[in-house]
Structures are given as structure tokens and as C-alpha cells.
Amino acid sequence: MAKNWQGYATNKASGKKELWWSWRDNRDDCLKDMKFDLSSSAHQWYREPSGCMFVGSDNKYLLYVVNRFYNADAFGCVVKLRKPDDGKNHAVIGNWHEKETVNYRCVLPE
């Protein structure tokens, strides 16, 4: 089964959100795992706010709609990758990332 949801949390030192290093099959499992991980002393470097981004499609419109609905406070945009990764041309970035780099550029919203 595909891992369609990637977590993010706030770095305690910088106060900035960062993508988490694990993915889950569904949003509920992702949110539950994020809450558990942040409540454990093992992850003393991160805190709320946290959440989960939908990353399970290459369809830019689906990525946009799902993330605007579930992550309006953290969603940045759907990006077009300059070099496709694993056959994917599109990805999602949080609003804490630059809108354009040498690796990608925002396409939704423009």
C-alpha cells in the first residue's frame, strides 16, 4: 500500500515547521502517530503545531484540493519538479519553503 501522508512538526529551536521523516497510509494514522511521537520524550526537538500533508498523487489538482482542505494553515503550494523524482512531476511544499528554487517552482496556486 502506498504511503500517501507525510507528517510535519515545529522545530523547538527554530520555531519553523519541518517535514517529518516518516509516511503513513492514511491521514488518521499519520495524525495519531504525530501526536504520539510529539508526546514522547524521544522527540524532544519538535512540538505542536503539527499535521500531515497529502503526498500520494502526481495529479497537481488533487494535491492542491486535498492539502487546501486539510492543511490550509501549513500548505504552501504544489510544485512542478524540474527533474522528475520516481516518475513524479509534482510535489507539495509547506508555506515555510521558498516558492521557487533550482529544483522546483510553484504551479498551484500561482
N, C-alpha and C. Protein backbone atom coordinates (compact mmCIF):
# COMPACT_ATOMS: atom_id res chain seq x y z
N MET A 1 0.84 -1.19 0.00
CA MET A 1 0.00 0.00 0.00
C MET A 1 0.88 1.25 0.00
N ALA A 2 0.48 2.25 -0.73
CA ALA A 2 1.25 3.49 -0.83
C ALA A 2 1.18 4.28 0.48
N LYS A 3 2.26 4.96 0.75
CA LYS A 3 2.32 5.85 1.91
C LYS A 3 1.98 7.25 1.42
N ASN A 4 0.71 7.64 1.59
CA ASN A 4 0.18 8.86 0.98
C ASN A 4 0.27 10.12 1.84
N TRP A 5 0.60 9.98 3.12
CA TRP A 5 0.58 11.13 4.02
C TRP A 5 1.92 11.27 4.73
N GLN A 6 2.46 12.49 4.70
CA GLN A 6 3.73 12.77 5.37
C GLN A 6 3.50 13.80 6.46
N GLY A 7 4.03 13.51 7.63
CA GLY A 7 3.84 14.41 8.76
C GLY A 7 4.78 15.60 8.75
N TYR A 8 4.42 16.62 9.52
CA TYR A 8 5.29 17.76 9.76
C TYR A 8 5.08 18.22 11.19
N ALA A 9 6.10 18.85 11.75
CA ALA A 9 6.02 19.36 13.11
C ALA A 9 6.89 20.61 13.21
N THR A 10 6.77 21.32 14.32
CA THR A 10 7.51 22.55 14.53
C THR A 10 8.80 22.27 15.30
N ASN A 11 9.90 22.73 14.76
CA ASN A 11 11.20 22.59 15.41
C ASN A 11 11.22 23.54 16.61
N LYS A 12 11.52 23.01 17.80
CA LYS A 12 11.51 23.84 19.00
C LYS A 12 12.56 24.94 18.96
N ALA A 13 13.72 24.65 18.42
CA ALA A 13 14.82 25.63 18.40
C ALA A 13 14.55 26.77 17.43
N SER A 14 14.12 26.45 16.23
CA SER A 14 13.95 27.48 15.20
C SER A 14 12.53 28.06 15.16
N GLY A 15 11.55 27.30 15.67
CA GLY A 15 10.16 27.74 15.59
C GLY A 15 9.55 27.53 14.22
N LYS A 16 10.30 26.87 13.31
CA LYS A 16 9.82 26.64 11.95
C LYS A 16 9.31 25.22 11.80
N LYS A 17 8.31 25.07 10.94
CA LYS A 17 7.80 23.74 10.65
C LYS A 17 8.78 23.00 9.76
N GLU A 18 8.83 21.67 9.93
CA GLU A 18 9.68 20.82 9.11
C GLU A 18 8.93 19.54 8.78
N LEU A 19 9.16 19.02 7.58
CA LEU A 19 8.57 17.74 7.23
C LEU A 19 9.16 16.65 8.09
N TRP A 20 8.32 15.71 8.49
CA TRP A 20 8.72 14.59 9.33
C TRP A 20 9.38 13.54 8.46
N TRP A 21 10.04 12.62 9.04
CA TRP A 21 10.81 11.61 8.30
C TRP A 21 10.05 10.31 8.07
N SER A 22 8.78 10.31 8.27
CA SER A 22 8.00 9.08 8.04
C SER A 22 6.70 9.39 7.32
N TRP A 23 6.17 8.39 6.67
CA TRP A 23 4.94 8.50 5.90
C TRP A 23 3.96 7.44 6.39
N ARG A 24 2.66 7.70 6.22
CA ARG A 24 1.62 6.77 6.63
C ARG A 24 0.63 6.54 5.50
N ASP A 25 -0.11 5.43 5.62
CA ASP A 25 -1.08 5.05 4.59
C ASP A 25 -2.27 6.00 4.52
N ASN A 26 -2.70 6.51 5.67
CA ASN A 26 -3.89 7.36 5.69
C ASN A 26 -3.70 8.51 6.68
N ARG A 27 -4.54 9.50 6.55
CA ARG A 27 -4.41 10.72 7.37
C ARG A 27 -4.61 10.44 8.86
N ASP A 28 -5.59 9.61 9.20
CA ASP A 28 -5.85 9.33 10.61
C ASP A 28 -4.64 8.69 11.29
N ASP A 29 -4.02 7.72 10.63
CA ASP A 29 -2.83 7.08 11.20
C ASP A 29 -1.69 8.08 11.32
N CYS A 30 -1.55 8.92 10.31
CA CYS A 30 -0.49 9.93 10.32
C CYS A 30 -0.67 10.89 11.51
N LEU A 31 -1.88 11.41 11.68
CA LEU A 31 -2.15 12.34 12.78
C LEU A 31 -1.96 11.68 14.13
N LYS A 32 -2.42 10.44 14.26
CA LYS A 32 -2.28 9.70 15.51
C LYS A 32 -0.79 9.49 15.84
N ASP A 33 -0.02 9.09 14.84
CA ASP A 33 1.41 8.86 15.06
C ASP A 33 2.14 10.16 15.38
N MET A 34 1.76 11.25 14.74
CA MET A 34 2.40 12.54 15.04
C MET A 34 2.12 12.94 16.49
N LYS A 35 0.89 12.79 16.91
CA LYS A 35 0.53 13.14 18.30
C LYS A 35 1.31 12.28 19.28
N PHE A 36 1.38 10.98 19.02
CA PHE A 36 2.13 10.07 19.90
C PHE A 36 3.61 10.44 19.92
N ASP A 37 4.19 10.63 18.72
CA ASP A 37 5.62 10.94 18.65
C ASP A 37 5.96 12.23 19.39
N LEU A 38 5.14 13.25 19.24
CA LEU A 38 5.42 14.52 19.89
C LEU A 38 5.20 14.48 21.39
N SER A 39 4.39 13.53 21.86
CA SER A 39 4.16 13.42 23.30
C SER A 39 5.24 12.59 23.98
N SER A 40 6.05 11.88 23.20
CA SER A 40 7.10 11.06 23.80
C SER A 40 8.36 11.89 23.99
N SER A 41 9.13 11.52 24.97
CA SER A 41 10.36 12.26 25.26
C SER A 41 11.43 12.01 24.20
N ALA A 42 11.23 10.99 23.36
CA ALA A 42 12.21 10.69 22.32
C ALA A 42 12.32 11.81 21.30
N HIS A 43 11.24 12.54 21.11
CA HIS A 43 11.26 13.63 20.13
C HIS A 43 11.20 14.97 20.84
N GLN A 44 12.23 15.23 21.61
CA GLN A 44 12.28 16.46 22.39
C GLN A 44 12.60 17.70 21.56
N TRP A 45 12.91 17.53 20.28
CA TRP A 45 13.29 18.65 19.44
C TRP A 45 12.12 19.24 18.67
N TYR A 46 10.93 18.61 18.74
CA TYR A 46 9.78 19.08 17.97
C TYR A 46 8.56 19.26 18.86
N ARG A 47 7.62 20.08 18.39
CA ARG A 47 6.41 20.39 19.15
C ARG A 47 5.26 20.66 18.20
N GLU A 48 4.09 20.88 18.78
CA GLU A 48 2.94 21.35 18.01
C GLU A 48 3.22 22.80 17.59
N PRO A 49 2.65 23.34 16.54
CA PRO A 49 1.67 22.67 15.70
C PRO A 49 2.32 21.65 14.77
N SER A 50 1.52 20.63 14.49
CA SER A 50 1.94 19.58 13.58
C SER A 50 0.75 19.19 12.72
N GLY A 51 0.99 18.33 11.77
CA GLY A 51 -0.08 17.88 10.90
C GLY A 51 0.46 16.90 9.87
N CYS A 52 -0.33 16.68 8.83
CA CYS A 52 0.05 15.72 7.79
C CYS A 52 -0.32 16.27 6.42
N MET A 53 0.63 16.21 5.51
CA MET A 53 0.44 16.65 4.12
C MET A 53 0.12 15.44 3.25
N PHE A 54 -0.80 15.62 2.32
CA PHE A 54 -1.11 14.57 1.34
C PHE A 54 -0.07 14.64 0.23
N VAL A 55 0.65 13.55 0.02
CA VAL A 55 1.73 13.49 -0.98
C VAL A 55 1.53 12.34 -1.96
N GLY A 56 0.36 11.68 -1.91
CA GLY A 56 0.15 10.43 -2.61
C GLY A 56 -0.38 10.49 -4.03
N SER A 57 -0.04 11.53 -4.77
CA SER A 57 -0.51 11.62 -6.15
C SER A 57 0.45 12.48 -6.95
N ASP A 58 0.42 12.31 -8.26
CA ASP A 58 1.16 13.20 -9.14
C ASP A 58 0.21 14.19 -9.82
N ASN A 59 -1.08 14.07 -9.52
CA ASN A 59 -2.07 14.96 -10.08
C ASN A 59 -2.04 16.28 -9.31
N LYS A 60 -1.61 17.35 -9.96
CA LYS A 60 -1.44 18.62 -9.25
C LYS A 60 -2.74 19.15 -8.67
N TYR A 61 -3.85 18.89 -9.34
CA TYR A 61 -5.13 19.38 -8.85
C TYR A 61 -5.58 18.62 -7.60
N LEU A 62 -5.38 17.32 -7.59
CA LEU A 62 -5.71 16.53 -6.41
C LEU A 62 -4.84 16.93 -5.23
N LEU A 63 -3.54 17.08 -5.46
CA LEU A 63 -2.63 17.54 -4.39
C LEU A 63 -3.09 18.88 -3.83
N TYR A 64 -3.48 19.78 -4.70
CA TYR A 64 -3.90 21.11 -4.28
C TYR A 64 -5.19 21.06 -3.45
N VAL A 65 -6.21 20.41 -3.97
CA VAL A 65 -7.52 20.40 -3.29
C VAL A 65 -7.43 19.71 -1.92
N VAL A 66 -6.81 18.55 -1.86
CA VAL A 66 -6.72 17.82 -0.59
C VAL A 66 -5.92 18.61 0.44
N ASN A 67 -4.81 19.18 0.04
CA ASN A 67 -3.99 19.92 1.02
C ASN A 67 -4.60 21.26 1.41
N ARG A 68 -5.31 21.92 0.51
CA ARG A 68 -6.00 23.15 0.90
C ARG A 68 -7.11 22.84 1.91
N PHE A 69 -7.76 21.71 1.73
CA PHE A 69 -8.85 21.33 2.63
C PHE A 69 -8.31 20.93 4.01
N TYR A 70 -7.30 20.07 4.04
CA TYR A 70 -6.81 19.53 5.31
C TYR A 70 -5.67 20.32 5.94
N ASN A 71 -4.98 21.15 5.17
CA ASN A 71 -3.77 21.81 5.68
C ASN A 71 -3.70 23.28 5.31
N ALA A 72 -4.81 23.96 5.33
CA ALA A 72 -4.84 25.36 4.89
C ALA A 72 -3.83 26.22 5.64
N ASP A 73 -3.57 25.93 6.91
CA ASP A 73 -2.66 26.75 7.70
C ASP A 73 -1.19 26.44 7.44
N ALA A 74 -0.87 25.32 6.81
CA ALA A 74 0.53 24.95 6.57
C ALA A 74 0.88 24.72 5.10
N PHE A 75 -0.12 24.56 4.28
CA PHE A 75 0.11 24.26 2.87
C PHE A 75 0.69 25.47 2.15
N GLY A 76 1.76 25.24 1.39
CA GLY A 76 2.36 26.31 0.60
C GLY A 76 1.85 26.29 -0.82
N CYS A 77 2.21 25.24 -1.55
CA CYS A 77 1.77 25.12 -2.94
C CYS A 77 2.12 23.74 -3.48
N VAL A 78 1.59 23.47 -4.66
CA VAL A 78 2.00 22.30 -5.43
C VAL A 78 3.12 22.79 -6.33
N VAL A 79 4.22 22.05 -6.36
CA VAL A 79 5.36 22.45 -7.17
C VAL A 79 5.53 21.51 -8.35
N LYS A 80 6.07 22.07 -9.42
CA LYS A 80 6.49 21.29 -10.59
C LYS A 80 7.98 21.06 -10.41
N LEU A 81 8.37 19.78 -10.36
CA LEU A 81 9.77 19.44 -10.18
C LEU A 81 10.52 19.65 -11.49
N ARG A 82 11.68 20.25 -11.42
CA ARG A 82 12.48 20.48 -12.62
C ARG A 82 13.08 19.18 -13.13
N LYS A 83 13.33 18.24 -12.22
CA LYS A 83 13.79 16.90 -12.59
C LYS A 83 12.84 15.93 -11.91
N PRO A 84 11.98 15.25 -12.66
CA PRO A 84 11.02 14.33 -12.05
C PRO A 84 11.70 13.32 -11.12
N ASP A 85 11.02 13.02 -10.01
CA ASP A 85 11.54 12.12 -8.99
C ASP A 85 10.66 10.88 -8.94
N ASP A 86 11.23 9.73 -9.18
CA ASP A 86 10.47 8.46 -9.18
C ASP A 86 9.25 8.54 -10.10
N GLY A 87 9.38 9.21 -11.22
CA GLY A 87 8.28 9.33 -12.17
C GLY A 87 7.27 10.40 -11.83
N LYS A 88 7.45 11.08 -10.70
CA LYS A 88 6.52 12.14 -10.31
C LYS A 88 7.02 13.49 -10.80
N ASN A 89 6.10 14.27 -11.35
CA ASN A 89 6.43 15.61 -11.82
C ASN A 89 6.03 16.69 -10.82
N HIS A 90 5.17 16.34 -9.85
CA HIS A 90 4.64 17.31 -8.90
C HIS A 90 4.85 16.84 -7.47
N ALA A 91 4.96 17.80 -6.57
CA ALA A 91 5.11 17.53 -5.14
C ALA A 91 4.43 18.66 -4.38
N VAL A 92 4.41 18.54 -3.07
CA VAL A 92 3.79 19.53 -2.18
C VAL A 92 4.87 20.13 -1.29
N ILE A 93 4.78 21.43 -1.06
CA ILE A 93 5.67 22.06 -0.08
C ILE A 93 4.82 22.82 0.94
N GLY A 94 5.36 22.97 2.13
CA GLY A 94 4.70 23.74 3.16
C GLY A 94 4.95 25.23 2.96
N ASN A 95 4.19 26.06 3.65
CA ASN A 95 4.31 27.50 3.49
C ASN A 95 5.59 28.07 4.10
N TRP A 96 6.40 27.23 4.69
CA TRP A 96 7.68 27.65 5.24
C TRP A 96 8.82 27.51 4.21
N HIS A 97 8.51 27.02 3.01
CA HIS A 97 9.52 26.84 1.96
C HIS A 97 9.47 28.00 0.96
N GLU A 98 10.57 28.16 0.22
CA GLU A 98 10.60 29.14 -0.86
C GLU A 98 9.67 28.69 -1.98
N LYS A 99 9.11 29.65 -2.70
CA LYS A 99 8.16 29.33 -3.78
C LYS A 99 8.85 28.84 -5.05
N GLU A 100 10.14 29.12 -5.18
CA GLU A 100 10.88 28.65 -6.35
C GLU A 100 12.35 28.46 -5.99
N THR A 101 12.90 27.34 -6.45
CA THR A 101 14.32 27.05 -6.26
C THR A 101 14.85 26.46 -7.57
N VAL A 102 16.09 26.05 -7.56
CA VAL A 102 16.66 25.41 -8.75
C VAL A 102 16.02 24.04 -8.98
N ASN A 103 15.34 23.48 -7.97
CA ASN A 103 14.74 22.15 -8.07
C ASN A 103 13.26 22.15 -8.41
N TYR A 104 12.56 23.24 -8.14
CA TYR A 104 11.11 23.28 -8.36
C TYR A 104 10.61 24.71 -8.47
N ARG A 105 9.33 24.82 -8.90
CA ARG A 105 8.63 26.11 -8.86
C ARG A 105 7.16 25.84 -8.57
N CYS A 106 6.52 26.76 -7.83
CA CYS A 106 5.10 26.63 -7.52
C CYS A 106 4.27 26.77 -8.78
N VAL A 107 3.26 25.87 -8.90
CA VAL A 107 2.33 25.95 -10.03
C VAL A 107 0.88 26.11 -9.57
N LEU A 108 0.57 25.68 -8.35
CA LEU A 108 -0.78 25.85 -7.79
C LEU A 108 -0.67 26.18 -6.31
N PRO A 109 -1.18 27.25 -5.79
CA PRO A 109 -1.62 28.39 -6.59
C PRO A 109 -0.40 29.11 -7.17
N GLU A 110 -0.64 29.80 -8.26
CA GLU A 110 0.47 30.51 -8.91
C GLU A 110 0.65 31.87 -8.31
